[in-house]
Amino acid sequence: MKSKLFILILIVYTIHNIVTFICYGLDKRYAKKDKTRIPEKTLMGYAFFFGGPGAFLGMQIFRHKTKHLQFQIFVPVFMILQIVMWVVAAIIIL
């Protein structure tokens, strides 16, 4: 039972990271086309609320927000903390 819940949560987590990644790509596209942007608080919020890996990949692949100090510091920290959380959870549950 615990492992099924763990897998379900992992699926939701993965979907959220895909959405976060897409948002970083969209914001980069909007920036190039001079359209209405996704607020930085929203992008950082996605990273903080369990979207660290998606945000980090979005920053690297789209070369977006890489010059902003707060993104340079916090997004990798969020990603590392979330990966550690998953490893610990996997060890405890599985």
N, C-alpha and C. Protein backbone atom coordinates (compact mmCIF):
# COMPACT_ATOMS: atom_id res chain seq x y z
N MET A 1 0.83 -1.21 0.00
CA MET A 1 0.00 0.00 0.00
C MET A 1 0.87 1.27 0.00
N LYS A 2 1.90 1.27 0.86
CA LYS A 2 2.77 2.44 0.92
C LYS A 2 3.48 2.66 -0.41
N SER A 3 3.92 1.58 -1.04
CA SER A 3 4.65 1.73 -2.29
C SER A 3 3.76 2.25 -3.41
N LYS A 4 2.47 1.87 -3.41
CA LYS A 4 1.55 2.39 -4.43
C LYS A 4 1.34 3.88 -4.24
N LEU A 5 1.20 4.32 -2.99
CA LEU A 5 1.04 5.74 -2.71
C LEU A 5 2.31 6.50 -3.10
N PHE A 6 3.45 5.91 -2.79
CA PHE A 6 4.73 6.52 -3.15
C PHE A 6 4.82 6.71 -4.66
N ILE A 7 4.45 5.69 -5.41
CA ILE A 7 4.50 5.77 -6.88
C ILE A 7 3.52 6.81 -7.41
N LEU A 8 2.33 6.87 -6.84
CA LEU A 8 1.34 7.87 -7.25
C LEU A 8 1.86 9.29 -7.00
N ILE A 9 2.44 9.50 -5.83
CA ILE A 9 3.00 10.82 -5.51
C ILE A 9 4.16 11.15 -6.45
N LEU A 10 4.97 10.15 -6.77
CA LEU A 10 6.08 10.35 -7.70
C LEU A 10 5.59 10.73 -9.09
N ILE A 11 4.50 10.14 -9.52
CA ILE A 11 3.90 10.49 -10.82
C ILE A 11 3.42 11.93 -10.83
N VAL A 12 2.73 12.33 -9.77
CA VAL A 12 2.25 13.72 -9.66
C VAL A 12 3.43 14.68 -9.63
N TYR A 13 4.47 14.32 -8.89
CA TYR A 13 5.69 15.12 -8.81
C TYR A 13 6.32 15.29 -10.19
N THR A 14 6.38 14.21 -10.93
CA THR A 14 6.97 14.25 -12.28
C THR A 14 6.15 15.15 -13.21
N ILE A 15 4.84 15.03 -13.14
CA ILE A 15 3.97 15.88 -13.97
C ILE A 15 4.17 17.34 -13.61
N HIS A 16 4.25 17.64 -12.31
CA HIS A 16 4.48 19.03 -11.88
C HIS A 16 5.81 19.55 -12.41
N ASN A 17 6.83 18.72 -12.42
CA ASN A 17 8.13 19.15 -12.93
C ASN A 17 8.10 19.36 -14.44
N ILE A 18 7.33 18.58 -15.14
CA ILE A 18 7.17 18.78 -16.59
C ILE A 18 6.47 20.12 -16.84
N VAL A 19 5.43 20.40 -16.07
CA VAL A 19 4.72 21.68 -16.20
C VAL A 19 5.66 22.84 -15.88
N THR A 20 6.46 22.70 -14.83
CA THR A 20 7.42 23.74 -14.46
C THR A 20 8.41 23.98 -15.60
N PHE A 21 8.94 22.91 -16.16
CA PHE A 21 9.88 22.99 -17.28
C PHE A 21 9.23 23.74 -18.45
N ILE A 22 8.00 23.39 -18.77
CA ILE A 22 7.28 24.03 -19.87
C ILE A 22 7.08 25.52 -19.59
N CYS A 23 6.76 25.87 -18.34
CA CYS A 23 6.57 27.28 -17.99
C CYS A 23 7.85 28.09 -18.20
N TYR A 24 9.00 27.52 -17.86
CA TYR A 24 10.26 28.23 -18.10
C TYR A 24 10.48 28.42 -19.60
N GLY A 25 10.16 27.42 -20.38
CA GLY A 25 10.29 27.55 -21.83
C GLY A 25 9.34 28.57 -22.41
N LEU A 26 8.10 28.54 -21.93
CA LEU A 26 7.11 29.52 -22.42
C LEU A 26 7.53 30.94 -22.06
N ASP A 27 8.01 31.14 -20.83
CA ASP A 27 8.40 32.49 -20.43
C ASP A 27 9.56 32.98 -21.28
N LYS A 28 10.48 32.09 -21.62
CA LYS A 28 11.59 32.49 -22.50
C LYS A 28 11.05 32.88 -23.88
N ARG A 29 10.11 32.10 -24.39
CA ARG A 29 9.50 32.41 -25.69
C ARG A 29 8.77 33.76 -25.62
N TYR A 30 8.01 33.96 -24.53
CA TYR A 30 7.28 35.23 -24.38
C TYR A 30 8.26 36.40 -24.31
N ALA A 31 9.40 36.21 -23.66
CA ALA A 31 10.40 37.27 -23.56
C ALA A 31 10.94 37.64 -24.94
N LYS A 32 11.19 36.64 -25.76
CA LYS A 32 11.71 36.91 -27.10
C LYS A 32 10.69 37.60 -27.99
N LYS A 33 9.41 37.29 -27.79
CA LYS A 33 8.35 37.85 -28.64
C LYS A 33 7.71 39.10 -28.03
N ASP A 34 8.28 39.55 -26.89
CA ASP A 34 7.80 40.76 -26.22
C ASP A 34 6.32 40.65 -25.83
N LYS A 35 5.93 39.48 -25.32
CA LYS A 35 4.56 39.25 -24.87
C LYS A 35 4.49 39.33 -23.35
N THR A 36 3.29 39.23 -22.81
CA THR A 36 3.10 39.22 -21.37
C THR A 36 3.82 38.02 -20.78
N ARG A 37 4.62 38.27 -19.74
CA ARG A 37 5.50 37.25 -19.16
C ARG A 37 4.87 36.56 -17.96
N ILE A 38 5.42 35.43 -17.61
CA ILE A 38 5.06 34.73 -16.38
C ILE A 38 5.87 35.41 -15.27
N PRO A 39 5.21 35.86 -14.20
CA PRO A 39 5.94 36.57 -13.14
C PRO A 39 7.06 35.71 -12.53
N GLU A 40 8.15 36.37 -12.13
CA GLU A 40 9.27 35.67 -11.51
C GLU A 40 8.83 34.94 -10.25
N LYS A 41 7.92 35.55 -9.49
CA LYS A 41 7.43 34.90 -8.27
C LYS A 41 6.75 33.57 -8.59
N THR A 42 6.04 33.52 -9.71
CA THR A 42 5.38 32.29 -10.11
C THR A 42 6.40 31.23 -10.49
N LEU A 43 7.39 31.62 -11.28
CA LEU A 43 8.44 30.68 -11.67
C LEU A 43 9.19 30.15 -10.46
N MET A 44 9.51 31.04 -9.53
CA MET A 44 10.22 30.62 -8.31
C MET A 44 9.31 29.75 -7.44
N GLY A 45 8.03 30.08 -7.42
CA GLY A 45 7.07 29.28 -6.65
C GLY A 45 6.96 27.87 -7.18
N TYR A 46 6.93 27.72 -8.50
CA TYR A 46 6.91 26.38 -9.09
C TYR A 46 8.15 25.59 -8.66
N ALA A 47 9.30 26.25 -8.66
CA ALA A 47 10.54 25.58 -8.26
C ALA A 47 10.49 25.19 -6.79
N PHE A 48 10.02 26.09 -5.95
CA PHE A 48 9.97 25.84 -4.51
C PHE A 48 9.00 24.73 -4.16
N PHE A 49 7.82 24.77 -4.74
CA PHE A 49 6.80 23.77 -4.45
C PHE A 49 6.99 22.54 -5.32
N PHE A 50 8.11 21.87 -5.09
CA PHE A 50 8.41 20.56 -5.67
C PHE A 50 8.61 20.56 -7.18
N GLY A 51 9.10 21.67 -7.73
CA GLY A 51 9.40 21.71 -9.15
C GLY A 51 10.86 22.04 -9.42
N GLY A 52 11.72 21.80 -8.43
CA GLY A 52 13.14 22.14 -8.54
C GLY A 52 13.84 21.55 -9.75
N PRO A 53 13.73 20.23 -9.97
CA PRO A 53 14.40 19.66 -11.14
C PRO A 53 13.88 20.22 -12.47
N GLY A 54 12.59 20.40 -12.59
CA GLY A 54 12.02 20.96 -13.81
C GLY A 54 12.48 22.39 -14.05
N ALA A 55 12.54 23.17 -12.97
CA ALA A 55 13.00 24.55 -13.08
C ALA A 55 14.48 24.60 -13.47
N PHE A 56 15.28 23.75 -12.83
CA PHE A 56 16.70 23.72 -13.13
C PHE A 56 16.95 23.33 -14.58
N LEU A 57 16.27 22.29 -15.04
CA LEU A 57 16.41 21.88 -16.45
C LEU A 57 15.93 22.98 -17.39
N GLY A 58 14.83 23.64 -17.04
CA GLY A 58 14.32 24.73 -17.86
C GLY A 58 15.32 25.88 -17.95
N MET A 59 15.96 26.18 -16.83
CA MET A 59 16.97 27.24 -16.83
C MET A 59 18.13 26.87 -17.75
N GLN A 60 18.58 25.62 -17.67
CA GLN A 60 19.74 25.20 -18.44
C GLN A 60 19.43 25.04 -19.93
N ILE A 61 18.34 24.38 -20.24
CA ILE A 61 18.02 24.09 -21.64
C ILE A 61 17.57 25.34 -22.39
N PHE A 62 16.75 26.16 -21.75
CA PHE A 62 16.24 27.36 -22.42
C PHE A 62 17.14 28.58 -22.18
N ARG A 63 18.19 28.40 -21.35
CA ARG A 63 19.07 29.52 -20.98
C ARG A 63 18.24 30.69 -20.48
N HIS A 64 17.38 30.39 -19.50
CA HIS A 64 16.42 31.37 -19.01
C HIS A 64 16.61 31.59 -17.51
N LYS A 65 16.69 32.82 -17.11
CA LYS A 65 16.87 33.25 -15.73
C LYS A 65 18.22 32.86 -15.16
N THR A 66 19.18 32.57 -16.02
CA THR A 66 20.49 32.13 -15.56
C THR A 66 21.35 33.28 -15.05
N LYS A 67 20.98 34.51 -15.34
CA LYS A 67 21.75 35.66 -14.87
C LYS A 67 21.15 36.28 -13.61
N HIS A 68 20.00 35.80 -13.18
CA HIS A 68 19.35 36.31 -11.98
C HIS A 68 19.90 35.58 -10.76
N LEU A 69 20.50 36.32 -9.84
CA LEU A 69 21.17 35.72 -8.69
C LEU A 69 20.23 34.84 -7.87
N GLN A 70 19.00 35.31 -7.65
CA GLN A 70 18.09 34.51 -6.83
C GLN A 70 17.78 33.16 -7.49
N PHE A 71 17.68 33.12 -8.80
CA PHE A 71 17.45 31.87 -9.51
C PHE A 71 18.72 31.01 -9.50
N GLN A 72 19.88 31.63 -9.64
CA GLN A 72 21.14 30.90 -9.62
C GLN A 72 21.35 30.17 -8.29
N ILE A 73 20.89 30.79 -7.22
CA ILE A 73 21.09 30.21 -5.88
C ILE A 73 19.96 29.27 -5.50
N PHE A 74 18.73 29.76 -5.57
CA PHE A 74 17.62 29.01 -4.98
C PHE A 74 17.16 27.81 -5.80
N VAL A 75 17.13 27.92 -7.09
CA VAL A 75 16.64 26.79 -7.90
C VAL A 75 17.50 25.54 -7.71
N PRO A 76 18.85 25.64 -7.76
CA PRO A 76 19.64 24.44 -7.49
C PRO A 76 19.46 23.91 -6.06
N VAL A 77 19.32 24.83 -5.10
CA VAL A 77 19.09 24.40 -3.71
C VAL A 77 17.77 23.65 -3.61
N PHE A 78 16.71 24.18 -4.20
CA PHE A 78 15.41 23.49 -4.18
C PHE A 78 15.53 22.11 -4.82
N MET A 79 16.23 22.04 -5.94
CA MET A 79 16.37 20.77 -6.64
C MET A 79 17.11 19.75 -5.77
N ILE A 80 18.22 20.15 -5.18
CA ILE A 80 19.00 19.23 -4.34
C ILE A 80 18.18 18.76 -3.14
N LEU A 81 17.50 19.69 -2.49
CA LEU A 81 16.68 19.32 -1.33
C LEU A 81 15.57 18.35 -1.72
N GLN A 82 14.97 18.57 -2.86
CA GLN A 82 13.89 17.69 -3.30
C GLN A 82 14.41 16.31 -3.68
N ILE A 83 15.57 16.24 -4.29
CA ILE A 83 16.15 14.94 -4.63
C ILE A 83 16.51 14.18 -3.36
N VAL A 84 17.10 14.88 -2.40
CA VAL A 84 17.42 14.24 -1.11
C VAL A 84 16.14 13.75 -0.44
N MET A 85 15.08 14.56 -0.48
CA MET A 85 13.81 14.16 0.11
C MET A 85 13.30 12.87 -0.52
N TRP A 86 13.38 12.77 -1.84
CA TRP A 86 12.91 11.56 -2.54
C TRP A 86 13.74 10.34 -2.20
N VAL A 87 15.05 10.51 -2.10
CA VAL A 87 15.92 9.39 -1.75
C VAL A 87 15.60 8.90 -0.34
N VAL A 88 15.47 9.82 0.59
CA VAL A 88 15.13 9.44 1.97
C VAL A 88 13.76 8.78 2.02
N ALA A 89 12.78 9.33 1.34
CA ALA A 89 11.45 8.74 1.31
C ALA A 89 11.47 7.34 0.71
N ALA A 90 12.24 7.16 -0.34
CA ALA A 90 12.34 5.84 -0.97
C ALA A 90 12.96 4.83 -0.02
N ILE A 91 13.98 5.24 0.70
CA ILE A 91 14.63 4.34 1.65
C ILE A 91 13.67 3.96 2.77
N ILE A 92 12.92 4.92 3.27
CA ILE A 92 11.98 4.66 4.38
C ILE A 92 10.79 3.81 3.92
N ILE A 93 10.22 4.16 2.78
CA ILE A 93 8.98 3.51 2.34
C ILE A 93 9.24 2.18 1.65
N LEU A 94 10.21 2.15 0.78
CA LEU A 94 10.44 0.93 0.01
C LEU A 94 11.45 0.10 0.72
